[in-house]
Amino acid sequence: MAAHPFHCLPCMSEQTPQFDPKSMARFMFGASHNGFLGMGYHAHGENWMELELPWREDLVGDSEQHVLASGPIISLLDMASGMAIWTRMQAFTPVATLDLRVDYLRPAKERCAVIGRSECYRLTRSAAFVRGIAHDGDAEDPVANMAGVFMTIGGASQRGG
């Protein structure tokens, strides 16, 4: 029986399927809030994920400044955080946002997409800790900094920390 590319089912065979964050992103951005916002996969590593939020007129917060509103950027960082946790765990398992702090440093550039990068730097049995940034092309000049704590369900520390 074939499993989804992002779902590990070790009880079905001795060989665990390879976890694929890029395939998971395509699934997560279907008919959902994140899909409506237009989020897309950008890049990933062992414990981090980058997603992109394209600029769209209907996501602008101030009609005089053509920059993305804060709400979609918060959603971007929240989703990138969850996906960074799954990437580190190498498993798709339920997570819930417990605490998410976003500090805005400056407005994004007008008519620019924003990239959200989150890193899962610590896992315990029931919590995952993440940090990240949102930027509009230069990670050294972020739009926002983010820190968060997520509840993990199903023994997260078994896979990555």
C-alpha atoms as a PDB file:
ATOM      1  CA  MET A   1       0.000   0.000   0.000  1.00  0.00           C
ATOM      2  CA  ALA A   2       1.509   3.335  -1.044  1.00  0.00           C
ATOM      3  CA  ALA A   3       1.601   6.155   1.496  1.00  0.00           C
ATOM      4  CA  HIS A   4       1.392   9.878   0.797  1.00  0.00           C
ATOM      5  CA  PRO A   5       4.867  11.308   0.141  1.00  0.00           C
ATOM      6  CA  PHE A   6       4.712  13.295   3.390  1.00  0.00           C
ATOM      7  CA  HIS A   7       3.237  10.672   5.695  1.00  0.00           C
ATOM      8  CA  CYS A   8       5.376   8.056   7.383  1.00  0.00           C
ATOM      9  CA  LEU A   9       3.648   4.783   8.188  1.00  0.00           C
ATOM     10  CA  PRO A  10       6.358   2.578   9.715  1.00  0.00           C
ATOM     11  CA  CYS A  11       3.856  -0.033  10.862  1.00  0.00           C
ATOM     12  CA  MET A  12       3.012  -0.842   7.229  1.00  0.00           C
ATOM     13  CA  SER A  13       6.500  -1.998   6.314  1.00  0.00           C
ATOM     14  CA  GLU A  14      10.006  -2.218   7.635  1.00  0.00           C
ATOM     15  CA  GLN A  15      11.075   0.589   5.299  1.00  0.00           C
ATOM     16  CA  THR A  16       9.809   4.082   6.179  1.00  0.00           C
ATOM     17  CA  PRO A  17       8.945   6.181   3.113  1.00  0.00           C
ATOM     18  CA  GLN A  18      11.146   9.219   2.488  1.00  0.00           C
ATOM     19  CA  PHE A  19       9.549  12.372   3.885  1.00  0.00           C
ATOM     20  CA  ASP A  20       9.190  14.991   1.139  1.00  0.00           C
ATOM     21  CA  PRO A  21       8.490  18.594   2.296  1.00  0.00           C
ATOM     22  CA  LYS A  22       8.049  19.848  -1.271  1.00  0.00           C
ATOM     23  CA  SER A  23       5.255  17.319  -1.940  1.00  0.00           C
ATOM     24  CA  MET A  24       3.754  18.105   1.446  1.00  0.00           C
ATOM     25  CA  ALA A  25       3.621  21.797   0.525  1.00  0.00           C
ATOM     26  CA  ARG A  26       1.638  21.065  -2.643  1.00  0.00           C
ATOM     27  CA  PHE A  27      -0.854  19.096  -0.551  1.00  0.00           C
ATOM     28  CA  MET A  28      -1.091  21.735   2.213  1.00  0.00           C
ATOM     29  CA  PHE A  29      -1.763  24.594  -0.200  1.00  0.00           C
ATOM     30  CA  GLY A  30      -4.690  23.021  -2.024  1.00  0.00           C
ATOM     31  CA  ALA A  31      -8.167  24.138  -1.015  1.00  0.00           C
ATOM     32  CA  SER A  32      -7.188  25.821   2.247  1.00  0.00           C
ATOM     33  CA  HIS A  33      -6.611  29.214   3.840  1.00  0.00           C
ATOM     34  CA  ASN A  34      -2.934  28.967   2.880  1.00  0.00           C
ATOM     35  CA  GLY A  35      -3.886  28.113  -0.692  1.00  0.00           C
ATOM     36  CA  PHE A  36      -6.251  31.087  -0.832  1.00  0.00           C
ATOM     37  CA  LEU A  37      -3.390  33.339   0.275  1.00  0.00           C
ATOM     38  CA  GLY A  38      -1.289  31.912  -2.562  1.00  0.00           C
ATOM     39  CA  MET A  39       1.526  30.542  -0.395  1.00  0.00           C
ATOM     40  CA  GLY A  40       4.048  28.357  -2.115  1.00  0.00           C
ATOM     41  CA  TYR A  41       7.098  26.272  -1.378  1.00  0.00           C
ATOM     42  CA  HIS A  42      10.407  28.124  -1.634  1.00  0.00           C
ATOM     43  CA  ALA A  43      13.113  25.930  -0.014  1.00  0.00           C
ATOM     44  CA  HIS A  44      13.839  23.663   2.935  1.00  0.00           C
ATOM     45  CA  GLY A  45      16.638  22.050   4.921  1.00  0.00           C
ATOM     46  CA  GLU A  46      16.926  19.469   7.663  1.00  0.00           C
ATOM     47  CA  ASN A  47      15.089  21.582  10.254  1.00  0.00           C
ATOM     48  CA  TRP A  48      13.846  24.649   8.382  1.00  0.00           C
ATOM     49  CA  MET A  49      11.289  25.631   5.779  1.00  0.00           C
ATOM     50  CA  GLU A  50      10.883  28.642   3.525  1.00  0.00           C
ATOM     51  CA  LEU A  51       7.544  29.580   2.023  1.00  0.00           C
ATOM     52  CA  GLU A  52       6.698  32.455  -0.277  1.00  0.00           C
ATOM     53  CA  LEU A  53       3.679  34.735  -0.111  1.00  0.00           C
ATOM     54  CA  PRO A  54       3.240  36.543  -3.431  1.00  0.00           C
ATOM     55  CA  TRP A  55       2.109  40.153  -3.475  1.00  0.00           C
ATOM     56  CA  ARG A  56      -1.547  40.563  -4.425  1.00  0.00           C
ATOM     57  CA  GLU A  57      -3.741  43.648  -4.381  1.00  0.00           C
ATOM     58  CA  ASP A  58      -6.369  41.945  -2.207  1.00  0.00           C
ATOM     59  CA  LEU A  59      -3.750  41.180   0.481  1.00  0.00           C
ATOM     60  CA  VAL A  60      -2.680  44.816   0.853  1.00  0.00           C
ATOM     61  CA  GLY A  61      -3.303  46.332   4.288  1.00  0.00           C
ATOM     62  CA  ASP A  62      -3.160  50.032   3.374  1.00  0.00           C
ATOM     63  CA  SER A  63      -4.363  51.249  -0.014  1.00  0.00           C
ATOM     64  CA  GLU A  64      -1.864  54.130   0.037  1.00  0.00           C
ATOM     65  CA  GLN A  65       1.085  51.800   0.588  1.00  0.00           C
ATOM     66  CA  HIS A  66       1.108  48.749  -1.662  1.00  0.00           C
ATOM     67  CA  VAL A  67       2.611  46.356   0.877  1.00  0.00           C
ATOM     68  CA  LEU A  68       1.266  43.071   2.164  1.00  0.00           C
ATOM     69  CA  ALA A  69      -0.857  43.309   5.314  1.00  0.00           C
ATOM     70  CA  SER A  70       0.389  41.858   8.591  1.00  0.00           C
ATOM     71  CA  GLY A  71      -2.269  39.104   8.814  1.00  0.00           C
ATOM     72  CA  PRO A  72      -1.103  37.173   5.742  1.00  0.00           C
ATOM     73  CA  ILE A  73       2.518  37.504   6.902  1.00  0.00           C
ATOM     74  CA  ILE A  74       1.587  36.037  10.299  1.00  0.00           C
ATOM     75  CA  SER A  75      -0.162  33.158   8.503  1.00  0.00           C
ATOM     76  CA  LEU A  76       2.956  32.659   6.368  1.00  0.00           C
ATOM     77  CA  LEU A  77       5.233  32.401   9.402  1.00  0.00           C
ATOM     78  CA  ASP A  78       2.802  30.145  11.265  1.00  0.00           C
ATOM     79  CA  MET A  79       2.562  27.719   8.332  1.00  0.00           C
ATOM     80  CA  ALA A  80       6.319  27.780   7.718  1.00  0.00           C
ATOM     81  CA  SER A  81       6.783  26.948  11.406  1.00  0.00           C
ATOM     82  CA  GLY A  82       4.479  23.942  11.301  1.00  0.00           C
ATOM     83  CA  MET A  83       6.163  22.697   8.148  1.00  0.00           C
ATOM     84  CA  ALA A  84       9.630  23.203   9.688  1.00  0.00           C
ATOM     85  CA  ILE A  85       8.524  21.018  12.613  1.00  0.00           C
ATOM     86  CA  TRP A  86       7.278  18.292  10.259  1.00  0.00           C
ATOM     87  CA  THR A  87      10.484  18.531   8.253  1.00  0.00           C
ATOM     88  CA  ARG A  88      12.629  18.111  11.360  1.00  0.00           C
ATOM     89  CA  MET A  89      10.468  15.230  12.626  1.00  0.00           C
ATOM     90  CA  GLN A  90      10.372  13.628   9.178  1.00  0.00           C
ATOM     91  CA  ALA A  91       6.669  12.990   9.796  1.00  0.00           C
ATOM     92  CA  PHE A  92       3.320  14.638   9.242  1.00  0.00           C
ATOM     93  CA  THR A  93       1.748  14.742  12.701  1.00  0.00           C
ATOM     94  CA  PRO A  94      -0.678  17.150  14.381  1.00  0.00           C
ATOM     95  CA  VAL A  95       0.802  20.367  15.767  1.00  0.00           C
ATOM     96  CA  ALA A  96      -0.987  23.304  17.369  1.00  0.00           C
ATOM     97  CA  THR A  97       0.256  26.850  17.764  1.00  0.00           C
ATOM     98  CA  LEU A  98       0.561  27.660  21.470  1.00  0.00           C
ATOM     99  CA  ASP A  99       2.465  30.936  21.267  1.00  0.00           C
ATOM    100  CA  LEU A 100       3.514  32.932  18.227  1.00  0.00           C
ATOM    101  CA  ARG A 101       5.221  36.281  18.588  1.00  0.00           C
ATOM    102  CA  VAL A 102       5.879  38.382  15.507  1.00  0.00           C
ATOM    103  CA  ASP A 103       7.878  41.602  15.824  1.00  0.00           C
ATOM    104  CA  TYR A 104       7.533  43.838  12.783  1.00  0.00           C
ATOM    105  CA  LEU A 105      10.727  45.722  12.019  1.00  0.00           C
ATOM    106  CA  ARG A 106       9.656  47.577   8.882  1.00  0.00           C
ATOM    107  CA  PRO A 107       7.061  47.434   6.093  1.00  0.00           C
ATOM    108  CA  ALA A 108       7.743  45.092   3.201  1.00  0.00           C
ATOM    109  CA  LYS A 109       8.739  46.780  -0.041  1.00  0.00           C
ATOM    110  CA  GLU A 110       5.858  47.873  -2.235  1.00  0.00           C
ATOM    111  CA  ARG A 111       4.484  45.187  -4.563  1.00  0.00           C
ATOM    112  CA  CYS A 112       7.017  42.614  -3.305  1.00  0.00           C
ATOM    113  CA  ALA A 113       6.479  39.016  -2.320  1.00  0.00           C
ATOM    114  CA  VAL A 114       7.480  38.047   1.217  1.00  0.00           C
ATOM    115  CA  ILE A 115       9.446  34.941   2.127  1.00  0.00           C
ATOM    116  CA  GLY A 116       8.899  33.336   5.527  1.00  0.00           C
ATOM    117  CA  ARG A 117      11.692  31.187   6.907  1.00  0.00           C
ATOM    118  CA  SER A 118      11.173  29.174  10.099  1.00  0.00           C
ATOM    119  CA  GLU A 119      13.623  26.903  11.885  1.00  0.00           C
ATOM    120  CA  CYS A 120      12.615  24.213  14.386  1.00  0.00           C
ATOM    121  CA  TYR A 121      15.569  24.411  16.752  1.00  0.00           C
ATOM    122  CA  ARG A 122      14.286  22.249  19.642  1.00  0.00           C
ATOM    123  CA  LEU A 123      11.850  19.376  20.081  1.00  0.00           C
ATOM    124  CA  THR A 124      10.632  17.851  23.323  1.00  0.00           C
ATOM    125  CA  ARG A 125       8.075  15.104  23.873  1.00  0.00           C
ATOM    126  CA  SER A 126       5.203  17.591  23.659  1.00  0.00           C
ATOM    127  CA  ALA A 127       6.543  20.886  22.325  1.00  0.00           C
ATOM    128  CA  ALA A 128       8.459  22.292  19.382  1.00  0.00           C
ATOM    129  CA  PHE A 129      10.317  25.602  19.496  1.00  0.00           C
ATOM    130  CA  VAL A 130      10.748  27.669  16.349  1.00  0.00           C
ATOM    131  CA  ARG A 131      12.263  30.965  15.295  1.00  0.00           C
ATOM    132  CA  GLY A 132      12.220  32.718  11.998  1.00  0.00           C
ATOM    133  CA  ILE A 133      12.043  35.791   9.851  1.00  0.00           C
ATOM    134  CA  ALA A 134       9.999  37.258   7.056  1.00  0.00           C
ATOM    135  CA  HIS A 135      11.862  39.189   4.369  1.00  0.00           C
ATOM    136  CA  ASP A 136      11.233  40.662   0.951  1.00  0.00           C
ATOM    137  CA  GLY A 137      14.396  39.498  -0.777  1.00  0.00           C
ATOM    138  CA  ASP A 138      17.193  40.262   1.686  1.00  0.00           C
ATOM    139  CA  ALA A 139      17.308  37.983   4.725  1.00  0.00           C
ATOM    140  CA  GLU A 140      19.817  40.382   6.310  1.00  0.00           C
ATOM    141  CA  ASP A 141      17.121  43.103   6.315  1.00  0.00           C
ATOM    142  CA  PRO A 142      14.021  41.294   7.655  1.00  0.00           C
ATOM    143  CA  VAL A 143      10.495  42.636   7.628  1.00  0.00           C
ATOM    144  CA  ALA A 144       9.737  40.734  10.849  1.00  0.00           C
ATOM    145  CA  ASN A 145      11.237  38.390  13.435  1.00  0.00           C
ATOM    146  CA  MET A 146       9.221  35.490  14.820  1.00  0.00           C
ATOM    147  CA  ALA A 147       9.425  33.116  17.791  1.00  0.00           C
ATOM    148  CA  GLY A 148       6.921  30.405  18.579  1.00  0.00           C
ATOM    149  CA  VAL A 149       6.042  27.346  20.604  1.00  0.00           C
ATOM    150  CA  PHE A 150       3.907  24.561  19.189  1.00  0.00           C
ATOM    151  CA  MET A 151       2.294  21.568  20.864  1.00  0.00           C
ATOM    152  CA  THR A 152       3.209  18.318  19.193  1.00  0.00           C
ATOM    153  CA  ILE A 153       1.105  15.191  19.387  1.00  0.00           C
ATOM    154  CA  GLY A 154       2.455  11.682  19.046  1.00  0.00           C
ATOM    155  CA  GLY A 155       5.930  11.613  20.579  1.00  0.00           C
ATOM    156  CA  ALA A 156       7.729  14.221  18.505  1.00  0.00           C
ATOM    157  CA  SER A 157      10.994  13.751  20.349  1.00  0.00           C
ATOM    158  CA  GLN A 158      11.212  10.242  18.876  1.00  0.00           C
ATOM    159  CA  ARG A 159      12.153  11.784  15.528  1.00  0.00           C
ATOM    160  CA  GLY A 160      14.624  14.591  15.778  1.00  0.00           C
ATOM    161  CA  GLY A 161      15.463  15.766  19.173  1.00  0.00           C
END
